[in-house]
């Protein structure tokens, strides 16, 4: 929805398009490569991946390509409707983040980094997420990723949408997620 609002991509989108420019992947494939890189970085920082981490890394990129291919998100030439689509996209990200994080089976690579830093730094989700988004945006611009007013709005606002969804759903930002090792032990009955 943020992409089709045509006001500028999200910061991660700018980074992924920049990566596409450098190594020639589809948008969804670039999302998967970035997810893998963030997963490894987060693991290095002490945030081990869970089932949700790996699933998110693969399926988000896959479904981005499927949704783009199906053309099911409308495009508008009216600035008001474009802003509505942008806000709806940020709302969907916030709500979706809450729902997939609630089972505590591992946060996606980007959200895992966010949650890990929120816990380690003891800062609000909105502040940590904005810091991550702005950092990723600068890197994306350096690789030639496109920006627009929606990019700036998203970089500074998406954290508030996620934080609001967490607050409304009473998600504990300090909740511990089961990592892959723990899941394997649990499924193995040990």
N, C-alpha and C. Protein backbone atom coordinates (compact mmCIF):
# COMPACT_ATOMS: atom_id res chain seq x y z
N UNK A 1 0.83 -1.19 0.00
CA UNK A 1 0.00 0.00 0.00
C UNK A 1 0.87 1.26 0.00
N UNK A 2 1.95 1.20 0.79
CA UNK A 2 2.87 2.35 0.82
C UNK A 2 3.52 2.54 -0.55
N UNK A 3 3.92 1.45 -1.16
CA UNK A 3 4.52 1.51 -2.49
C UNK A 3 3.54 2.10 -3.50
N UNK A 4 2.28 1.62 -3.47
CA UNK A 4 1.29 2.05 -4.45
C UNK A 4 0.70 3.43 -4.15
N UNK A 5 0.94 3.96 -2.96
CA UNK A 5 0.52 5.34 -2.68
C UNK A 5 1.29 6.30 -3.58
N UNK A 6 2.44 5.84 -4.07
CA UNK A 6 3.26 6.58 -5.03
C UNK A 6 3.68 7.96 -4.50
N UNK A 7 3.95 8.01 -3.19
CA UNK A 7 4.44 9.24 -2.57
C UNK A 7 5.88 9.07 -2.09
N UNK A 8 6.44 7.92 -2.36
CA UNK A 8 7.77 7.58 -1.89
C UNK A 8 7.69 6.30 -1.08
N UNK A 9 8.68 5.47 -1.24
CA UNK A 9 8.68 4.17 -0.58
C UNK A 9 9.02 4.31 0.90
N UNK A 10 8.78 3.22 1.65
CA UNK A 10 9.23 3.18 3.03
C UNK A 10 10.76 3.17 3.02
N UNK A 11 11.35 3.42 4.17
CA UNK A 11 12.82 3.43 4.26
C UNK A 11 13.40 2.08 3.84
N UNK A 12 12.79 0.98 4.30
CA UNK A 12 13.27 -0.35 3.91
C UNK A 12 13.09 -0.54 2.41
N UNK A 13 12.02 0.00 1.84
CA UNK A 13 11.80 -0.07 0.40
C UNK A 13 12.88 0.67 -0.37
N UNK A 14 13.25 1.86 0.12
CA UNK A 14 14.33 2.63 -0.51
C UNK A 14 15.63 1.82 -0.47
N UNK A 15 15.89 1.21 0.68
CA UNK A 15 17.09 0.39 0.83
C UNK A 15 17.06 -0.80 -0.13
N UNK A 16 15.89 -1.46 -0.22
CA UNK A 16 15.77 -2.63 -1.10
C UNK A 16 15.89 -2.26 -2.57
N UNK A 17 15.33 -1.12 -2.98
CA UNK A 17 15.49 -0.68 -4.38
C UNK A 17 16.95 -0.32 -4.63
N UNK A 18 17.60 0.31 -3.64
CA UNK A 18 19.03 0.59 -3.78
C UNK A 18 19.82 -0.70 -3.97
N UNK A 19 19.44 -1.72 -3.21
CA UNK A 19 20.09 -3.03 -3.35
C UNK A 19 19.79 -3.64 -4.71
N UNK A 20 18.55 -3.48 -5.19
CA UNK A 20 18.19 -3.96 -6.53
C UNK A 20 19.09 -3.30 -7.57
N UNK A 21 19.36 -2.01 -7.41
CA UNK A 21 20.23 -1.28 -8.34
C UNK A 21 21.63 -1.85 -8.35
N UNK A 22 22.07 -2.32 -7.18
CA UNK A 22 23.44 -2.80 -7.04
C UNK A 22 23.60 -4.25 -7.50
N UNK A 23 22.63 -5.13 -7.13
CA UNK A 23 22.83 -6.56 -7.44
C UNK A 23 21.75 -7.17 -8.32
N UNK A 24 20.78 -6.42 -8.80
CA UNK A 24 19.84 -6.90 -9.81
C UNK A 24 18.89 -8.00 -9.38
N UNK A 25 18.13 -7.78 -8.31
CA UNK A 25 17.11 -8.73 -7.85
C UNK A 25 15.73 -8.12 -8.01
N UNK A 26 14.68 -8.94 -7.87
CA UNK A 26 13.32 -8.39 -7.81
C UNK A 26 13.16 -7.71 -6.45
N UNK A 27 12.10 -6.94 -6.30
CA UNK A 27 11.86 -6.24 -5.03
C UNK A 27 11.69 -7.25 -3.89
N UNK A 28 10.91 -8.30 -4.12
CA UNK A 28 10.71 -9.32 -3.11
C UNK A 28 12.00 -10.05 -2.76
N UNK A 29 12.80 -10.37 -3.77
CA UNK A 29 14.09 -11.04 -3.52
C UNK A 29 15.03 -10.13 -2.73
N UNK A 30 15.03 -8.85 -3.06
CA UNK A 30 15.85 -7.90 -2.30
C UNK A 30 15.38 -7.86 -0.85
N UNK A 31 14.07 -7.93 -0.63
CA UNK A 31 13.53 -7.98 0.73
C UNK A 31 14.04 -9.20 1.48
N UNK A 32 14.10 -10.34 0.79
CA UNK A 32 14.58 -11.57 1.42
C UNK A 32 16.07 -11.46 1.76
N UNK A 33 16.86 -10.92 0.86
CA UNK A 33 18.30 -10.77 1.10
C UNK A 33 18.54 -9.82 2.27
N UNK A 34 17.81 -8.71 2.30
CA UNK A 34 17.93 -7.76 3.40
C UNK A 34 17.51 -8.44 4.70
N UNK A 35 16.42 -9.20 4.65
CA UNK A 35 15.96 -9.93 5.84
C UNK A 35 17.03 -10.86 6.38
N UNK A 36 17.69 -11.59 5.49
CA UNK A 36 18.76 -12.50 5.90
C UNK A 36 19.91 -11.72 6.54
N UNK A 37 20.27 -10.62 5.92
CA UNK A 37 21.36 -9.80 6.48
C UNK A 37 21.01 -9.25 7.86
N UNK A 38 19.78 -8.77 8.03
CA UNK A 38 19.35 -8.23 9.32
C UNK A 38 19.24 -9.36 10.34
N UNK A 39 18.78 -10.54 9.91
CA UNK A 39 18.70 -11.71 10.79
C UNK A 39 20.10 -12.03 11.35
N UNK A 40 21.09 -12.08 10.48
CA UNK A 40 22.46 -12.38 10.91
C UNK A 40 22.99 -11.28 11.83
N UNK A 41 22.74 -10.04 11.47
CA UNK A 41 23.17 -8.91 12.30
C UNK A 41 22.51 -8.97 13.68
N UNK A 42 21.20 -9.21 13.71
CA UNK A 42 20.48 -9.32 14.98
C UNK A 42 20.98 -10.48 15.82
N UNK A 43 21.27 -11.61 15.18
CA UNK A 43 21.80 -12.78 15.88
C UNK A 43 23.15 -12.45 16.50
N UNK A 44 23.98 -11.74 15.73
CA UNK A 44 25.29 -11.30 16.23
C UNK A 44 25.13 -10.41 17.46
N UNK A 45 24.08 -9.58 17.48
CA UNK A 45 23.82 -8.70 18.62
C UNK A 45 23.17 -9.42 19.80
N UNK A 46 22.85 -10.70 19.61
CA UNK A 46 22.27 -11.48 20.70
C UNK A 46 20.78 -11.69 20.61
N UNK A 47 20.20 -11.49 19.42
CA UNK A 47 18.77 -11.70 19.22
C UNK A 47 18.60 -12.91 18.30
N UNK A 48 18.59 -14.14 18.85
CA UNK A 48 18.53 -15.34 18.01
C UNK A 48 17.22 -15.45 17.25
N UNK A 49 17.26 -15.98 16.04
CA UNK A 49 16.04 -16.09 15.23
C UNK A 49 15.12 -17.19 15.73
N UNK A 50 13.84 -16.99 15.47
CA UNK A 50 12.83 -17.99 15.77
C UNK A 50 12.14 -18.42 14.48
N UNK A 51 11.16 -19.29 14.61
CA UNK A 51 10.39 -19.74 13.46
C UNK A 51 9.76 -18.56 12.73
N UNK A 52 9.22 -17.61 13.49
CA UNK A 52 8.62 -16.41 12.89
C UNK A 52 9.63 -15.56 12.15
N UNK A 53 10.87 -15.56 12.61
CA UNK A 53 11.93 -14.78 11.97
C UNK A 53 12.20 -15.29 10.57
N UNK A 54 12.40 -16.60 10.48
CA UNK A 54 12.71 -17.22 9.20
C UNK A 54 11.50 -17.17 8.26
N UNK A 55 10.32 -17.45 8.81
CA UNK A 55 9.09 -17.40 8.01
C UNK A 55 8.85 -16.01 7.46
N UNK A 56 9.00 -15.01 8.30
CA UNK A 56 8.81 -13.62 7.88
C UNK A 56 9.79 -13.27 6.78
N UNK A 57 11.07 -13.66 6.96
CA UNK A 57 12.10 -13.34 5.98
C UNK A 57 11.73 -13.90 4.60
N UNK A 58 11.26 -15.12 4.56
CA UNK A 58 10.92 -15.75 3.28
C UNK A 58 9.58 -15.25 2.74
N UNK A 59 8.53 -15.34 3.55
CA UNK A 59 7.18 -15.10 3.04
C UNK A 59 6.87 -13.64 2.74
N UNK A 60 7.42 -12.70 3.50
CA UNK A 60 7.15 -11.30 3.18
C UNK A 60 7.65 -10.97 1.78
N UNK A 61 8.89 -11.35 1.49
CA UNK A 61 9.43 -11.11 0.15
C UNK A 61 8.63 -11.81 -0.93
N UNK A 62 8.25 -13.06 -0.66
CA UNK A 62 7.46 -13.84 -1.62
C UNK A 62 6.12 -13.15 -1.90
N UNK A 63 5.42 -12.77 -0.83
CA UNK A 63 4.10 -12.18 -1.02
C UNK A 63 4.16 -10.77 -1.58
N UNK A 64 5.25 -10.05 -1.36
CA UNK A 64 5.41 -8.75 -2.01
C UNK A 64 5.36 -8.94 -3.52
N UNK A 65 6.15 -9.90 -4.02
CA UNK A 65 6.16 -10.15 -5.47
C UNK A 65 4.81 -10.64 -5.96
N UNK A 66 4.13 -11.50 -5.21
CA UNK A 66 2.81 -12.01 -5.60
C UNK A 66 1.79 -10.87 -5.66
N UNK A 67 1.74 -10.04 -4.62
CA UNK A 67 0.76 -8.94 -4.59
C UNK A 67 1.02 -7.94 -5.70
N UNK A 68 2.30 -7.62 -5.93
CA UNK A 68 2.63 -6.71 -7.04
C UNK A 68 2.20 -7.34 -8.37
N UNK A 69 2.48 -8.63 -8.52
CA UNK A 69 2.12 -9.34 -9.75
C UNK A 69 0.62 -9.39 -10.00
N UNK A 70 -0.17 -9.54 -8.93
CA UNK A 70 -1.62 -9.61 -9.07
C UNK A 70 -2.25 -8.23 -9.29
N UNK A 71 -1.57 -7.18 -8.90
CA UNK A 71 -2.10 -5.83 -9.08
C UNK A 71 -3.37 -5.56 -8.28
N UNK A 72 -3.47 -6.09 -7.07
CA UNK A 72 -4.71 -5.97 -6.29
C UNK A 72 -4.80 -4.70 -5.44
N UNK A 73 -3.69 -3.98 -5.32
CA UNK A 73 -3.73 -2.72 -4.57
C UNK A 73 -3.97 -1.60 -5.57
N UNK A 74 -4.96 -0.76 -5.31
CA UNK A 74 -5.28 0.32 -6.27
C UNK A 74 -4.20 1.40 -6.28
N UNK A 75 -4.14 2.11 -7.41
CA UNK A 75 -3.28 3.29 -7.53
C UNK A 75 -4.19 4.48 -7.77
N UNK A 76 -3.84 5.59 -7.16
CA UNK A 76 -4.65 6.79 -7.29
C UNK A 76 -3.81 7.95 -7.82
N UNK A 77 -4.46 8.87 -8.49
CA UNK A 77 -3.81 10.10 -8.96
C UNK A 77 -4.28 11.30 -8.17
N UNK A 78 -4.93 11.06 -7.05
CA UNK A 78 -5.48 12.10 -6.19
C UNK A 78 -4.65 12.11 -4.91
N UNK A 79 -4.06 13.24 -4.55
CA UNK A 79 -3.16 13.33 -3.40
C UNK A 79 -3.83 12.90 -2.10
N UNK A 80 -5.10 13.24 -1.93
CA UNK A 80 -5.81 12.85 -0.70
C UNK A 80 -5.92 11.33 -0.62
N UNK A 81 -6.31 10.69 -1.72
CA UNK A 81 -6.43 9.23 -1.73
C UNK A 81 -5.06 8.57 -1.60
N UNK A 82 -4.03 9.19 -2.15
CA UNK A 82 -2.68 8.65 -2.00
C UNK A 82 -2.24 8.70 -0.53
N UNK A 83 -2.56 9.81 0.15
CA UNK A 83 -2.23 9.92 1.57
C UNK A 83 -3.02 8.90 2.39
N UNK A 84 -4.29 8.68 2.03
CA UNK A 84 -5.11 7.67 2.71
C UNK A 84 -4.47 6.29 2.54
N UNK A 85 -4.02 5.98 1.34
CA UNK A 85 -3.38 4.69 1.07
C UNK A 85 -2.08 4.56 1.87
N UNK A 86 -1.31 5.63 1.96
CA UNK A 86 -0.08 5.63 2.74
C UNK A 86 -0.37 5.36 4.21
N UNK A 87 -1.32 6.06 4.78
CA UNK A 87 -1.69 5.87 6.19
C UNK A 87 -2.27 4.47 6.41
N UNK A 88 -3.07 4.00 5.46
CA UNK A 88 -3.62 2.64 5.56
C UNK A 88 -2.50 1.61 5.55
N UNK A 89 -1.48 1.83 4.74
CA UNK A 89 -0.33 0.93 4.69
C UNK A 89 0.42 0.91 6.01
N UNK A 90 0.64 2.06 6.61
CA UNK A 90 1.32 2.11 7.90
C UNK A 90 0.47 1.46 8.99
N UNK A 91 -0.84 1.65 8.91
CA UNK A 91 -1.74 1.02 9.87
C UNK A 91 -1.67 -0.50 9.74
N UNK A 92 -1.66 -0.99 8.50
CA UNK A 92 -1.58 -2.43 8.27
C UNK A 92 -0.27 -3.00 8.81
N UNK A 93 0.81 -2.28 8.64
CA UNK A 93 2.10 -2.75 9.17
C UNK A 93 2.04 -2.83 10.69
N UNK A 94 1.48 -1.83 11.33
CA UNK A 94 1.36 -1.84 12.79
C UNK A 94 0.52 -3.00 13.28
N UNK A 95 -0.66 -3.18 12.68
CA UNK A 95 -1.57 -4.25 13.08
C UNK A 95 -0.96 -5.62 12.78
N UNK A 96 -0.38 -5.77 11.60
CA UNK A 96 0.23 -7.04 11.22
C UNK A 96 1.40 -7.38 12.14
N UNK A 97 2.17 -6.37 12.53
CA UNK A 97 3.29 -6.60 13.45
C UNK A 97 2.77 -7.15 14.77
N UNK A 98 1.71 -6.56 15.28
CA UNK A 98 1.12 -7.04 16.52
C UNK A 98 0.67 -8.50 16.39
N UNK A 99 -0.06 -8.82 15.33
CA UNK A 99 -0.61 -10.17 15.19
C UNK A 99 0.45 -11.24 15.00
N UNK A 100 1.48 -10.97 14.21
CA UNK A 100 2.44 -12.03 14.00
C UNK A 100 3.45 -12.13 15.16
N UNK A 101 3.63 -11.06 15.93
CA UNK A 101 4.52 -11.12 17.09
C UNK A 101 3.85 -11.73 18.32
N UNK A 102 2.55 -11.67 18.40
CA UNK A 102 1.82 -12.14 19.58
C UNK A 102 2.07 -13.60 19.96
N UNK A 103 2.21 -14.53 19.01
CA UNK A 103 2.49 -15.92 19.41
C UNK A 103 3.88 -16.12 20.02
N UNK A 104 4.75 -15.13 19.90
CA UNK A 104 6.10 -15.15 20.47
C UNK A 104 6.96 -16.29 19.92
N UNK A 105 6.83 -16.54 18.61
CA UNK A 105 7.64 -17.56 17.94
C UNK A 105 8.79 -16.96 17.16
N UNK A 106 9.13 -15.73 17.47
CA UNK A 106 10.23 -15.06 16.81
C UNK A 106 9.74 -13.92 15.95
N UNK A 107 10.38 -12.78 16.11
CA UNK A 107 10.04 -11.61 15.32
C UNK A 107 10.78 -11.69 13.99
N UNK A 108 10.19 -11.11 12.95
CA UNK A 108 10.88 -11.04 11.67
C UNK A 108 12.21 -10.34 11.86
N UNK A 109 13.11 -10.46 10.91
CA UNK A 109 14.44 -9.88 11.09
C UNK A 109 14.42 -8.39 11.46
N UNK A 110 13.63 -7.60 10.76
CA UNK A 110 13.60 -6.17 11.03
C UNK A 110 12.95 -5.89 12.37
N UNK A 111 11.82 -6.56 12.64
CA UNK A 111 11.13 -6.36 13.92
C UNK A 111 11.91 -6.98 15.07
N UNK A 112 12.65 -8.06 14.80
CA UNK A 112 13.49 -8.64 15.84
C UNK A 112 14.58 -7.67 16.28
N UNK A 113 15.17 -7.00 15.30
CA UNK A 113 16.16 -5.98 15.61
C UNK A 113 15.51 -4.85 16.42
N UNK A 114 14.31 -4.43 16.00
CA UNK A 114 13.59 -3.37 16.71
C UNK A 114 13.28 -3.78 18.15
N UNK A 115 12.68 -4.97 18.32
CA UNK A 115 12.30 -5.43 19.66
C UNK A 115 13.55 -5.61 20.53
N UNK A 116 14.60 -6.19 19.95
CA UNK A 116 15.84 -6.38 20.70
C UNK A 116 16.42 -5.06 21.18
N UNK A 117 16.43 -4.07 20.31
CA UNK A 117 16.97 -2.76 20.69
C UNK A 117 16.05 -2.04 21.67
N UNK A 118 14.74 -2.21 21.53
CA UNK A 118 13.79 -1.63 22.49
C UNK A 118 14.08 -2.18 23.88
N UNK A 119 14.28 -3.49 23.96
CA UNK A 119 14.54 -4.12 25.25
C UNK A 119 15.92 -3.72 25.79
N UNK A 120 16.92 -3.76 24.94
CA UNK A 120 18.29 -3.47 25.39
C UNK A 120 18.46 -2.00 25.77
N UNK A 121 17.88 -1.09 24.99
CA UNK A 121 18.04 0.34 25.23
C UNK A 121 16.98 0.91 26.16
N UNK A 122 15.92 0.13 26.42
CA UNK A 122 14.78 0.56 27.25
C UNK A 122 14.20 1.89 26.74
N UNK A 123 13.93 1.91 25.45
CA UNK A 123 13.33 3.08 24.80
C UNK A 123 11.99 2.69 24.20
N UNK A 124 11.18 3.68 23.88
CA UNK A 124 9.89 3.44 23.25
C UNK A 124 10.07 2.86 21.85
N UNK A 125 9.11 2.05 21.44
CA UNK A 125 9.13 1.45 20.11
C UNK A 125 9.24 2.53 19.05
N UNK A 126 8.48 3.60 19.21
CA UNK A 126 8.47 4.66 18.19
C UNK A 126 9.85 5.28 18.00
N UNK A 127 10.59 5.46 19.07
CA UNK A 127 11.92 6.08 18.99
C UNK A 127 12.92 5.14 18.34
N UNK A 128 12.92 3.88 18.79
CA UNK A 128 13.86 2.90 18.24
C UNK A 128 13.56 2.66 16.77
N UNK A 129 12.28 2.50 16.44
CA UNK A 129 11.92 2.23 15.05
C UNK A 129 12.30 3.40 14.15
N UNK A 130 12.08 4.63 14.62
CA UNK A 130 12.46 5.80 13.82
C UNK A 130 13.97 5.82 13.59
N UNK A 131 14.76 5.49 14.60
CA UNK A 131 16.21 5.45 14.44
C UNK A 131 16.64 4.43 13.41
N UNK A 132 16.02 3.25 13.45
CA UNK A 132 16.33 2.21 12.47
C UNK A 132 15.92 2.67 11.07
N UNK A 133 14.71 3.19 10.95
CA UNK A 133 14.19 3.62 9.65
C UNK A 133 15.07 4.71 9.02
N UNK A 134 15.48 5.67 9.81
CA UNK A 134 16.29 6.77 9.28
C UNK A 134 17.67 6.25 8.86
N UNK A 135 18.25 5.34 9.64
CA UNK A 135 19.54 4.75 9.28
C UNK A 135 19.43 4.00 7.95
N UNK A 136 18.40 3.18 7.83
CA UNK A 136 18.19 2.40 6.61
C UNK A 136 17.91 3.32 5.42
N UNK A 137 17.18 4.39 5.66
CA UNK A 137 16.88 5.35 4.60
C UNK A 137 18.15 5.99 4.06
N UNK A 138 19.04 6.41 4.95
CA UNK A 138 20.29 7.02 4.52
C UNK A 138 21.11 6.04 3.68
N UNK A 139 21.18 4.77 4.12
CA UNK A 139 21.90 3.76 3.36
C UNK A 139 21.25 3.53 1.99
N UNK A 140 19.92 3.49 1.96
CA UNK A 140 19.20 3.31 0.70
C UNK A 140 19.42 4.44 -0.28
N UNK A 141 19.41 5.66 0.22
CA UNK A 141 19.67 6.83 -0.63
C UNK A 141 21.09 6.76 -1.20
N UNK A 142 22.03 6.32 -0.37
CA UNK A 142 23.43 6.20 -0.82
C UNK A 142 23.57 5.19 -1.95
N UNK A 143 22.66 4.20 -2.02
CA UNK A 143 22.71 3.20 -3.11
C UNK A 143 21.79 3.57 -4.27
N UNK A 144 21.20 4.75 -4.22
CA UNK A 144 20.39 5.22 -5.34
C UNK A 144 18.91 4.89 -5.23
N UNK A 145 18.43 4.54 -4.05
CA UNK A 145 17.01 4.25 -3.87
C UNK A 145 16.18 5.52 -3.97
N UNK A 146 14.93 5.41 -4.45
CA UNK A 146 14.08 6.59 -4.65
C UNK A 146 13.43 7.06 -3.35
N UNK A 147 13.26 8.37 -3.22
CA UNK A 147 12.58 8.91 -2.04
C UNK A 147 11.50 9.89 -2.46
N UNK A 148 10.60 10.16 -1.54
CA UNK A 148 9.54 11.12 -1.75
C UNK A 148 9.01 11.55 -0.40
N UNK A 149 7.99 12.37 -0.40
CA UNK A 149 7.42 12.87 0.86
C UNK A 149 6.88 11.71 1.69
N UNK A 150 6.34 10.68 1.05
CA UNK A 150 5.85 9.51 1.77
C UNK A 150 6.96 8.76 2.47
N UNK A 151 8.15 8.80 1.91
CA UNK A 151 9.31 8.16 2.52
C UNK A 151 9.62 8.82 3.86
N UNK A 152 9.64 10.13 3.86
CA UNK A 152 9.93 10.89 5.07
C UNK A 152 8.82 10.68 6.10
N UNK A 153 7.57 10.75 5.65
CA UNK A 153 6.44 10.52 6.56
C UNK A 153 6.53 9.14 7.18
N UNK A 154 6.79 8.14 6.37
CA UNK A 154 6.86 6.77 6.86
C UNK A 154 8.02 6.57 7.82
N UNK A 155 9.20 7.09 7.47
CA UNK A 155 10.38 6.90 8.32
C UNK A 155 10.16 7.46 9.72
N UNK A 156 9.49 8.60 9.81
CA UNK A 156 9.28 9.22 11.11
C UNK A 156 7.99 8.75 11.81
N UNK A 157 7.07 8.10 11.08
CA UNK A 157 5.76 7.77 11.64
C UNK A 157 5.50 6.29 11.89
N UNK A 158 6.14 5.40 11.15
CA UNK A 158 5.79 3.98 11.22
C UNK A 158 5.94 3.44 12.64
N UNK A 159 6.93 3.90 13.36
CA UNK A 159 7.12 3.46 14.75
C UNK A 159 5.93 3.77 15.62
N UNK A 160 5.28 4.90 15.39
CA UNK A 160 4.09 5.26 16.17
C UNK A 160 2.93 4.31 15.85
N UNK A 161 2.81 3.92 14.60
CA UNK A 161 1.75 2.97 14.21
C UNK A 161 1.98 1.61 14.86
N UNK A 162 3.22 1.16 14.88
CA UNK A 162 3.54 -0.12 15.53
C UNK A 162 3.32 0.00 17.04
N UNK A 163 3.79 1.08 17.63
CA UNK A 163 3.62 1.28 19.07
C UNK A 163 2.14 1.35 19.45
N UNK A 164 1.34 2.02 18.63
CA UNK A 164 -0.09 2.12 18.91
C UNK A 164 -0.77 0.75 18.83
N UNK A 165 -0.40 -0.05 17.83
CA UNK A 165 -0.97 -1.40 17.71
C UNK A 165 -0.58 -2.24 18.92
N UNK A 166 0.68 -2.12 19.36
CA UNK A 166 1.13 -2.85 20.55
C UNK A 166 0.33 -2.42 21.77
N UNK A 167 0.12 -1.12 21.90
CA UNK A 167 -0.61 -0.59 23.06
C UNK A 167 -2.06 -1.05 23.04
N UNK A 168 -2.71 -0.95 21.88
CA UNK A 168 -4.12 -1.36 21.78
C UNK A 168 -4.29 -2.86 22.01
N UNK A 169 -3.32 -3.65 21.53
CA UNK A 169 -3.39 -5.10 21.70
C UNK A 169 -2.76 -5.59 22.99
N UNK A 170 -2.23 -4.66 23.78
CA UNK A 170 -1.57 -4.99 25.04
C UNK A 170 -0.39 -5.95 24.85
N UNK A 171 0.37 -5.72 23.79
CA UNK A 171 1.56 -6.53 23.53
C UNK A 171 2.68 -6.07 24.46
N UNK A 172 3.30 -7.00 25.15
CA UNK A 172 4.41 -6.71 26.05
C UNK A 172 5.69 -6.60 25.23
N UNK A 173 6.22 -5.41 25.11
CA UNK A 173 7.42 -5.20 24.31
C UNK A 173 8.63 -5.94 24.88
N UNK A 174 8.54 -6.37 26.12
CA UNK A 174 9.62 -7.12 26.75
C UNK A 174 9.38 -8.63 26.71
N UNK A 175 8.36 -9.04 25.98
CA UNK A 175 8.04 -10.47 25.89
C UNK A 175 9.22 -11.23 25.28
N UNK A 176 9.45 -12.40 25.79
CA UNK A 176 10.52 -13.25 25.28
C UNK A 176 9.97 -14.14 24.19
N UNK A 177 10.67 -14.22 23.06
CA UNK A 177 10.26 -15.06 21.94
C UNK A 177 11.05 -16.37 21.94
N UNK A 178 10.40 -17.45 21.52
CA UNK A 178 11.06 -18.74 21.43
C UNK A 178 11.95 -18.75 20.19
N UNK A 179 13.23 -19.09 20.36
CA UNK A 179 14.12 -19.15 19.22
C UNK A 179 14.10 -20.55 18.59
N UNK A 180 14.79 -20.71 17.48
CA UNK A 180 14.76 -21.98 16.74
C UNK A 180 15.29 -23.16 17.58
N UNK A 181 16.34 -22.92 18.34
CA UNK A 181 16.91 -23.98 19.18
C UNK A 181 15.87 -24.44 20.22
N UNK A 182 15.22 -23.48 20.87
CA UNK A 182 14.21 -23.81 21.88
C UNK A 182 13.01 -24.51 21.24
N UNK A 183 12.62 -24.08 20.05
CA UNK A 183 11.51 -24.71 19.35
C UNK A 183 11.85 -26.16 19.00
N UNK A 184 13.06 -26.40 18.53
CA UNK A 184 13.49 -27.77 18.20
C UNK A 184 13.48 -28.65 19.45
N UNK A 185 13.96 -28.12 20.57
CA UNK A 185 13.94 -28.89 21.82
C UNK A 185 12.51 -29.17 22.26
N UNK A 186 11.64 -28.17 22.12
CA UNK A 186 10.24 -28.33 22.51
C UNK A 186 9.56 -29.40 21.64
N UNK A 187 9.76 -29.32 20.34
CA UNK A 187 9.14 -30.28 19.42
C UNK A 187 9.72 -31.68 19.57
N UNK A 188 10.98 -31.74 20.01
CA UNK A 188 11.63 -33.02 20.25
C UNK A 188 11.27 -33.62 21.60
N UNK A 189 10.53 -32.86 22.41
CA UNK A 189 10.09 -33.35 23.71
C UNK A 189 11.17 -33.35 24.77
N UNK A 190 12.20 -32.56 24.59
CA UNK A 190 13.30 -32.55 25.58
C UNK A 190 13.32 -31.27 26.35
